[in-house]
Amino acid sequence: MSVLERILNGAPGRFTVVALAALLLVGAVLVNAFAPFVWVGIYTYFCVTLMLVLGLELFMGNSGILNWTYIGFVGIGAYSASILSTDPSLKHMGVPNMYPALVNLHLPVVPALLVGALVAAAVAAVIAWPLMRLSDAVGVITLFATLIVIHVLMTQWDNVTNGPRTFFGVQQFTTIWIATGAAILTLVGTHLFRESSLGLRLRASRDDRFAASAMGVSVVRVRYLTFILSSFVAGLGGGLWAHYITSFSPTSFYVGELFVLLTMLVVGGAGSISGAATGAIIITVLREGLRQVESYLNNSGVISFEVYGLTEVVMAMLLIAMLIWRPTGIVGGSEWRLPLRRKQAAAAPSPEPPAEPVLETEAAEEAK
């Protein structure tokens, strides 16, 4: 086996990380060099979305718990980073009722992004400990209720978020290269987490909570720490998204956007990095294609009425079909591997069964 093959096949998911990182870099180079400007925007948005899906998989895929609050932490990171990085004059004009202390705060974009991610992680650290003690339907309902609380705060706290109105004036910082680099770093970090002791213990608690507890795993603690890490990724991704789109409102961080991320994770498979990436690619292509179809139907006059919501309806039907016929997703819990490795595994001869031990009486009789 060559050195490259040993590197790629040394741990589950390592080939996925290398292959996806290479694909992201090559895709960024080709799109930036040859594609129209609109494709550059789509690819940048895809990289940020991939980062968010990987952050959702970090907790949901390893714990098996549906994290409804994830999109709320995306919003916390987006608002925190935007408030810190936006020029004070623009903040005063865009949010007239903002607290003077927040208006005067101004940081460069990169520190603002990191602080926004830390704010999201800090909020998660405050509220997550009692939430991680719950399981099954009770835990899912409580997480959804927490998302509602976060959304109400975003829509009503007009001294910070401008209420239900649009927050604008954010500096456009996220380029195709920054988004690609952030997606690759998240990819590597997610893989390292899965191979770490914390990731292994979390998956053990997912497979059998009581058996993991009997083996000494603190289920609440591993869930709590992973929830904070996932919220940090959500806050960082939200800040990058905000500095790409430059204007947003609280509706951007509610059930509709969470539905898109969940669809990506369910279609690809929540149990692996390959599944999260596969789902992100498929749903991104599907969404853009359906939007073009919907635009064509409304502008060409082919039909006598206007079509709205075609993208959402098709995605919902796809999600239902996947949950019925393939609940583990297209990839499931496995990772991408080298084709040569698969052929070698299939062609490898099965090990010979061990020879049965000969009893001492039989050996003595043969000697006679």
Protein backbone atom coordinates (compact mmCIF):
# COMPACT_ATOMS: atom_id res chain seq x y z
CA MET A 1 0.00 0.00 0.00
CA SER A 2 1.35 3.43 -0.92
CA VAL A 3 1.88 6.26 1.55
CA LEU A 4 -1.10 8.16 0.09
CA GLU A 5 -3.39 5.17 0.54
CA ARG A 6 -2.24 4.72 4.15
CA ILE A 7 -3.01 8.38 4.84
CA LEU A 8 -6.44 8.26 3.22
CA ASN A 9 -7.51 4.95 4.72
CA GLY A 10 -5.92 5.33 8.14
CA ALA A 11 -9.18 6.36 9.85
CA PRO A 12 -12.85 6.39 8.83
CA GLY A 13 -13.70 9.68 7.17
CA ARG A 14 -10.12 10.73 6.39
CA PHE A 15 -10.62 10.12 2.69
CA THR A 16 -13.86 12.11 2.90
CA VAL A 17 -12.04 15.10 4.38
CA VAL A 18 -9.25 15.03 1.79
CA ALA A 19 -11.60 14.44 -1.14
CA LEU A 20 -14.12 17.10 -0.11
CA ALA A 21 -11.41 19.67 0.63
CA ALA A 22 -9.89 19.06 -2.80
CA LEU A 23 -13.31 19.29 -4.48
CA LEU A 24 -14.12 22.52 -2.68
CA LEU A 25 -10.81 24.11 -3.68
CA VAL A 26 -11.05 22.96 -7.30
CA GLY A 27 -14.67 24.08 -7.48
CA ALA A 28 -13.79 27.52 -6.11
CA VAL A 29 -10.99 27.96 -8.66
CA LEU A 30 -13.13 26.87 -11.61
CA VAL A 31 -16.21 28.86 -10.60
CA ASN A 32 -14.21 31.99 -9.86
CA ALA A 33 -12.30 31.75 -13.13
CA PHE A 34 -14.91 30.68 -15.66
CA ALA A 35 -18.44 30.88 -14.24
CA PRO A 36 -20.77 33.89 -14.34
CA PHE A 37 -20.96 36.15 -11.31
CA VAL A 38 -24.26 34.66 -10.18
CA TRP A 39 -22.62 31.23 -9.95
CA VAL A 40 -19.89 32.69 -7.75
CA GLY A 41 -22.59 33.86 -5.37
CA ILE A 42 -24.31 30.47 -5.41
CA TYR A 43 -21.03 28.68 -4.69
CA THR A 44 -20.20 31.07 -1.85
CA TYR A 45 -23.64 30.51 -0.34
CA PHE A 46 -23.18 26.75 -0.73
CA CYS A 47 -19.89 26.78 1.19
CA VAL A 48 -21.43 28.73 4.06
CA THR A 49 -24.42 26.37 4.05
CA LEU A 50 -22.09 23.35 4.08
CA MET A 51 -20.39 24.80 7.12
CA LEU A 52 -23.75 25.16 8.87
CA VAL A 53 -24.82 21.62 7.94
CA LEU A 54 -21.56 20.21 9.31
CA GLY A 55 -22.12 22.15 12.53
CA LEU A 56 -25.60 20.66 12.81
CA GLU A 57 -24.21 17.18 12.14
CA LEU A 58 -21.60 17.73 14.84
CA PHE A 59 -24.29 17.48 17.53
CA MET A 60 -27.32 15.92 15.88
CA GLY A 61 -25.45 13.24 13.95
CA ASN A 62 -23.37 12.12 16.93
CA SER A 63 -26.05 12.40 19.62
CA GLY A 64 -29.17 11.45 17.68
CA ILE A 65 -31.06 14.46 19.15
CA LEU A 66 -32.95 16.82 16.83
CA ASN A 67 -31.48 20.23 17.62
CA TRP A 68 -34.25 22.73 16.89
CA THR A 69 -32.34 25.58 18.54
CA TYR A 70 -29.42 25.37 16.08
CA ILE A 71 -30.79 28.00 13.70
CA GLY A 72 -31.34 30.32 16.68
CA PHE A 73 -27.62 30.25 17.46
CA VAL A 74 -26.94 31.01 13.80
CA GLY A 75 -28.99 34.17 14.29
CA ILE A 76 -27.23 35.05 17.53
CA GLY A 77 -23.86 34.83 15.79
CA ALA A 78 -25.12 36.83 12.80
CA TYR A 79 -26.50 39.69 14.90
CA SER A 80 -23.56 39.76 17.32
CA ALA A 81 -20.92 39.86 14.58
CA SER A 82 -22.88 42.40 12.54
CA ILE A 83 -23.40 44.77 15.47
CA LEU A 84 -19.70 44.66 16.32
CA SER A 85 -18.41 45.12 12.76
CA THR A 86 -20.89 47.66 11.37
CA ASP A 87 -19.87 51.31 11.30
CA PRO A 88 -21.40 53.27 14.21
CA SER A 89 -23.01 55.84 11.90
CA LEU A 90 -24.74 53.09 9.92
CA LYS A 91 -25.89 51.40 13.14
CA HIS A 92 -27.35 54.65 14.43
CA MET A 93 -29.17 55.18 11.14
CA GLY A 94 -30.36 51.59 10.72
CA VAL A 95 -31.32 50.94 14.35
CA PRO A 96 -32.31 54.30 15.86
CA ASN A 97 -33.18 52.80 19.26
CA MET A 98 -29.97 50.82 19.69
CA TYR A 99 -28.24 51.12 23.06
CA PRO A 100 -25.49 53.79 22.89
CA ALA A 101 -22.92 51.33 24.24
CA LEU A 102 -23.59 48.99 21.31
CA VAL A 103 -23.56 51.84 18.80
CA ASN A 104 -20.07 52.88 19.88
CA LEU A 105 -18.68 49.32 19.70
CA HIS A 106 -16.70 48.75 16.53
CA LEU A 107 -14.30 45.92 15.74
CA PRO A 108 -12.63 44.62 12.58
CA VAL A 109 -14.60 41.91 10.84
CA VAL A 110 -12.47 38.91 11.82
CA PRO A 111 -12.50 39.63 15.59
CA ALA A 112 -16.21 40.44 15.30
CA LEU A 113 -16.86 37.04 13.72
CA LEU A 114 -14.98 35.26 16.50
CA VAL A 115 -16.74 37.24 19.22
CA GLY A 116 -20.10 36.50 17.58
CA ALA A 117 -19.32 32.78 17.63
CA LEU A 118 -18.24 33.03 21.28
CA VAL A 119 -21.46 34.84 22.18
CA ALA A 120 -23.49 32.03 20.60
CA ALA A 121 -21.42 29.44 22.48
CA ALA A 122 -21.82 31.39 25.75
CA VAL A 123 -25.60 31.52 25.39
CA ALA A 124 -25.59 27.79 24.67
CA ALA A 125 -23.47 27.16 27.77
CA VAL A 126 -25.99 29.03 29.93
CA ILE A 127 -29.14 27.31 28.72
CA ALA A 128 -27.96 23.87 27.59
CA TRP A 129 -27.25 22.01 30.85
CA PRO A 130 -30.90 21.39 31.84
CA LEU A 131 -31.83 20.77 28.20
CA MET A 132 -29.24 18.01 27.82
CA ARG A 133 -30.76 16.11 30.73
CA LEU A 134 -33.89 15.48 28.65
CA SER A 135 -34.32 12.79 26.02
CA ASP A 136 -36.74 11.51 23.42
CA ALA A 137 -39.92 13.52 22.74
CA VAL A 138 -39.59 15.68 25.85
CA GLY A 139 -36.14 16.88 24.83
CA VAL A 140 -37.18 17.62 21.23
CA ILE A 141 -40.24 19.62 22.34
CA THR A 142 -38.17 21.58 24.85
CA LEU A 143 -35.55 22.44 22.23
CA PHE A 144 -38.29 23.63 19.88
CA ALA A 145 -39.75 25.80 22.65
CA THR A 146 -36.28 27.27 23.22
CA LEU A 147 -36.09 28.18 19.54
CA ILE A 148 -39.40 30.04 19.88
CA VAL A 149 -38.01 31.98 22.84
CA ILE A 150 -34.90 32.98 20.87
CA HIS A 151 -37.01 34.00 17.88
CA VAL A 152 -39.34 36.14 20.01
CA LEU A 153 -36.34 37.91 21.55
CA MET A 154 -34.96 38.64 18.07
CA THR A 155 -38.25 40.03 16.82
CA GLN A 156 -39.07 42.11 19.92
CA TRP A 157 -35.70 43.40 21.16
CA ASP A 158 -35.58 46.36 18.79
CA ASN A 159 -32.84 48.06 20.85
CA VAL A 160 -30.46 45.37 19.59
CA THR A 161 -31.85 43.63 16.50
CA ASN A 162 -34.12 46.39 15.09
CA GLY A 163 -37.06 44.15 15.92
CA PRO A 164 -38.88 42.44 13.04
CA ARG A 165 -37.45 44.97 10.60
CA THR A 166 -34.38 44.44 8.42
CA PHE A 167 -30.93 44.91 9.90
CA PHE A 168 -28.83 46.49 7.12
CA GLY A 169 -25.49 48.19 6.55
CA VAL A 170 -23.36 45.11 7.25
CA GLN A 171 -19.98 45.09 5.50
CA GLN A 172 -19.67 42.54 2.69
CA PHE A 173 -16.67 40.54 3.81
CA THR A 174 -17.37 36.91 2.92
CA THR A 175 -15.91 36.07 -0.48
CA ILE A 176 -15.76 32.74 -2.29
CA TRP A 177 -12.29 32.10 -0.87
CA ILE A 178 -13.22 32.94 2.71
CA ALA A 179 -16.33 30.77 2.50
CA THR A 180 -14.36 27.89 0.99
CA GLY A 181 -11.66 28.13 3.63
CA ALA A 182 -14.24 28.22 6.43
CA ALA A 183 -15.99 25.15 5.01
CA ILE A 184 -12.70 23.23 4.82
CA LEU A 185 -11.73 24.18 8.38
CA THR A 186 -15.16 23.08 9.62
CA LEU A 187 -14.78 19.84 7.69
CA VAL A 188 -11.44 19.10 9.33
CA GLY A 189 -12.71 20.08 12.77
CA THR A 190 -15.79 17.88 12.45
CA HIS A 191 -13.64 14.90 11.46
CA LEU A 192 -11.24 15.46 14.37
CA PHE A 193 -14.19 15.64 16.75
CA ARG A 194 -15.64 12.37 15.48
CA GLU A 195 -12.30 10.65 16.06
CA SER A 196 -11.78 12.21 19.48
CA SER A 197 -12.67 10.65 22.81
CA LEU A 198 -15.55 13.08 23.24
CA GLY A 199 -17.05 12.13 19.89
CA LEU A 200 -16.73 8.41 20.58
CA ARG A 201 -18.38 8.77 23.99
CA LEU A 202 -21.20 10.84 22.51
CA ARG A 203 -21.91 8.22 19.84
CA ALA A 204 -21.84 5.55 22.52
CA SER A 205 -24.52 7.44 24.44
CA ARG A 206 -26.52 7.74 21.21
CA ASP A 207 -26.43 4.00 20.54
CA ASP A 208 -27.26 2.94 24.11
CA ARG A 209 -27.52 5.58 26.79
CA PHE A 210 -27.76 3.18 29.72
CA ALA A 211 -24.89 0.98 28.56
CA ALA A 212 -22.72 4.07 28.06
CA SER A 213 -23.58 5.30 31.56
CA ALA A 214 -22.72 1.89 32.98
CA MET A 215 -19.31 2.12 31.29
CA GLY A 216 -18.60 5.45 32.99
CA VAL A 217 -19.69 7.90 30.27
CA SER A 218 -21.29 11.09 31.63
CA VAL A 219 -24.06 11.39 29.06
CA VAL A 220 -25.19 14.86 30.11
CA ARG A 221 -21.63 16.21 30.11
CA VAL A 222 -20.67 14.94 26.65
CA ARG A 223 -23.94 16.23 25.20
CA TYR A 224 -23.42 19.58 26.92
CA LEU A 225 -19.89 20.10 25.60
CA THR A 226 -20.84 19.05 22.07
CA PHE A 227 -23.87 21.32 22.10
CA ILE A 228 -21.59 24.26 22.91
CA LEU A 229 -19.16 23.32 20.11
CA SER A 230 -22.02 23.01 17.64
CA SER A 231 -23.36 26.41 18.72
CA PHE A 232 -19.92 27.95 18.18
CA VAL A 233 -19.87 26.66 14.60
CA ALA A 234 -23.43 27.94 14.15
CA GLY A 235 -22.48 31.40 15.40
CA LEU A 236 -19.39 31.58 13.18
CA GLY A 237 -21.37 30.41 10.15
CA GLY A 238 -24.11 32.91 10.93
CA GLY A 239 -21.57 35.73 11.04
CA LEU A 240 -20.08 34.70 7.70
CA TRP A 241 -23.57 34.45 6.20
CA ALA A 242 -24.49 37.91 7.51
CA HIS A 243 -21.33 39.44 6.05
CA TYR A 244 -22.19 37.90 2.70
CA ILE A 245 -25.89 38.78 2.48
CA THR A 246 -25.35 42.21 4.26
CA SER A 247 -29.01 42.60 5.32
CA PHE A 248 -31.36 40.22 7.10
CA SER A 249 -34.26 39.95 9.52
CA PRO A 250 -35.25 37.48 12.29
CA THR A 251 -37.27 35.41 9.81
CA SER A 252 -33.95 34.27 8.32
CA PHE A 253 -33.27 32.31 11.50
CA TYR A 254 -36.47 30.39 12.06
CA VAL A 255 -38.18 27.16 11.08
CA GLY A 256 -38.02 27.75 7.31
CA GLU A 257 -34.23 27.93 7.17
CA LEU A 258 -33.84 25.14 9.70
CA PHE A 259 -36.03 22.98 7.48
CA VAL A 260 -33.52 23.41 4.63
CA LEU A 261 -30.58 22.36 6.83
CA LEU A 262 -32.49 19.39 8.23
CA THR A 263 -33.47 18.29 4.72
CA MET A 264 -29.81 18.34 3.66
CA LEU A 265 -28.83 16.28 6.67
CA VAL A 266 -31.67 13.76 6.35
CA VAL A 267 -31.30 13.27 2.59
CA GLY A 268 -27.55 12.71 2.78
CA GLY A 269 -27.47 10.91 6.10
CA ALA A 270 -27.05 12.37 9.57
CA GLY A 271 -24.61 9.72 10.73
CA SER A 272 -21.54 10.77 8.74
CA ILE A 273 -19.64 13.71 7.30
CA SER A 274 -20.11 12.25 3.82
CA GLY A 275 -23.87 12.25 4.35
CA ALA A 276 -23.93 15.90 5.41
CA ALA A 277 -21.84 16.93 2.38
CA THR A 278 -23.85 14.79 -0.04
CA GLY A 279 -27.12 16.20 1.22
CA ALA A 280 -25.83 19.78 0.99
CA ILE A 281 -24.77 19.26 -2.63
CA ILE A 282 -28.02 17.58 -3.69
CA ILE A 283 -30.37 20.05 -2.00
CA THR A 284 -28.40 23.09 -3.21
CA VAL A 285 -28.56 21.90 -6.82
CA LEU A 286 -32.23 20.95 -6.43
CA ARG A 287 -33.20 24.30 -4.91
CA GLU A 288 -31.47 26.34 -7.58
CA GLY A 289 -32.97 24.18 -10.33
CA LEU A 290 -36.49 24.44 -8.92
CA ARG A 291 -36.14 28.19 -8.55
CA GLN A 292 -35.25 28.45 -12.22
CA VAL A 293 -38.24 26.27 -13.15
CA GLU A 294 -40.55 28.36 -10.98
CA SER A 295 -39.22 31.59 -12.50
CA TYR A 296 -39.66 30.21 -16.02
CA LEU A 297 -43.24 29.12 -15.35
CA ASN A 298 -44.16 32.54 -13.94
CA ASN A 299 -42.49 34.61 -16.66
CA SER A 300 -42.99 32.58 -19.82
CA GLY A 301 -46.78 32.49 -19.84
CA VAL A 302 -46.85 28.71 -20.27
CA ILE A 303 -49.52 28.47 -17.59
CA SER A 304 -52.31 30.93 -16.81
CA PHE A 305 -51.55 31.24 -13.10
CA GLU A 306 -48.46 32.01 -11.05
CA VAL A 307 -46.59 29.29 -9.18
CA TYR A 308 -45.29 29.93 -5.69
CA GLY A 309 -43.76 27.52 -3.20
CA LEU A 310 -42.78 24.87 -5.76
CA THR A 311 -39.32 24.56 -4.23
CA GLU A 312 -40.64 24.05 -0.70
CA VAL A 313 -43.28 21.52 -1.79
CA VAL A 314 -40.80 19.36 -3.73
CA MET A 315 -38.26 19.47 -0.90
CA ALA A 316 -40.93 18.48 1.63
CA MET A 317 -42.02 15.56 -0.56
CA LEU A 318 -38.38 14.48 -0.94
CA LEU A 319 -37.91 14.63 2.83
CA ILE A 320 -41.03 12.52 3.43
CA ALA A 321 -39.93 9.96 0.84
CA MET A 322 -36.46 9.67 2.38
CA LEU A 323 -37.86 9.23 5.88
CA ILE A 324 -40.19 6.47 4.67
CA TRP A 325 -37.94 4.47 2.34
CA ARG A 326 -34.40 5.33 3.47
CA PRO A 327 -34.39 6.95 6.92
CA THR A 328 -30.61 6.66 7.22
CA GLY A 329 -30.10 8.83 4.12
CA ILE A 330 -28.32 8.20 0.84
CA VAL A 331 -24.92 7.64 2.45
CA GLY A 332 -26.15 6.58 5.88
CA GLY A 333 -23.55 6.22 8.58
CA SER A 334 -20.67 5.26 6.26
CA GLU A 335 -17.97 7.49 4.80
CA TRP A 336 -16.56 7.78 1.31
CA ARG A 337 -13.65 5.43 0.61
CA LEU A 338 -11.14 4.88 -2.16
CA PRO A 339 -12.55 2.63 -4.93
CA LEU A 340 -9.29 0.65 -4.94
CA ARG A 341 -9.70 -0.03 -1.23
CA ARG A 342 -13.20 -1.41 -1.84
CA LYS A 343 -11.96 -3.73 -4.56
CA GLN A 344 -9.16 -4.99 -2.34
CA ALA A 345 -11.60 -5.63 0.51
CA ALA A 346 -13.95 -7.52 -1.82
CA ALA A 347 -11.15 -9.59 -3.36
CA ALA A 348 -9.44 -10.43 -0.08
CA PRO A 349 -9.78 -14.16 0.75
CA SER A 350 -11.74 -15.02 3.82
CA PRO A 351 -9.57 -16.12 6.75
CA GLU A 352 -9.32 -19.84 7.31
CA PRO A 353 -11.15 -21.09 10.38
CA PRO A 354 -8.84 -22.06 13.23
CA ALA A 355 -8.02 -25.73 13.56
CA GLU A 356 -10.01 -27.56 16.16
CA PRO A 357 -7.96 -28.59 19.20
CA VAL A 358 -7.16 -32.27 19.45
CA LEU A 359 -8.01 -33.90 22.72
CA GLU A 360 -5.21 -35.49 24.64
CA THR A 361 -6.87 -38.92 24.54
CA GLU A 362 -7.15 -38.80 20.74
CA ALA A 363 -3.51 -37.76 20.40
CA ALA A 364 -2.45 -40.62 22.68
CA GLU A 365 -4.41 -43.13 20.65
CA GLU A 366 -2.81 -41.88 17.39
CA ALA A 367 0.64 -42.20 18.99
CA LYS A 368 -0.11 -45.83 19.84
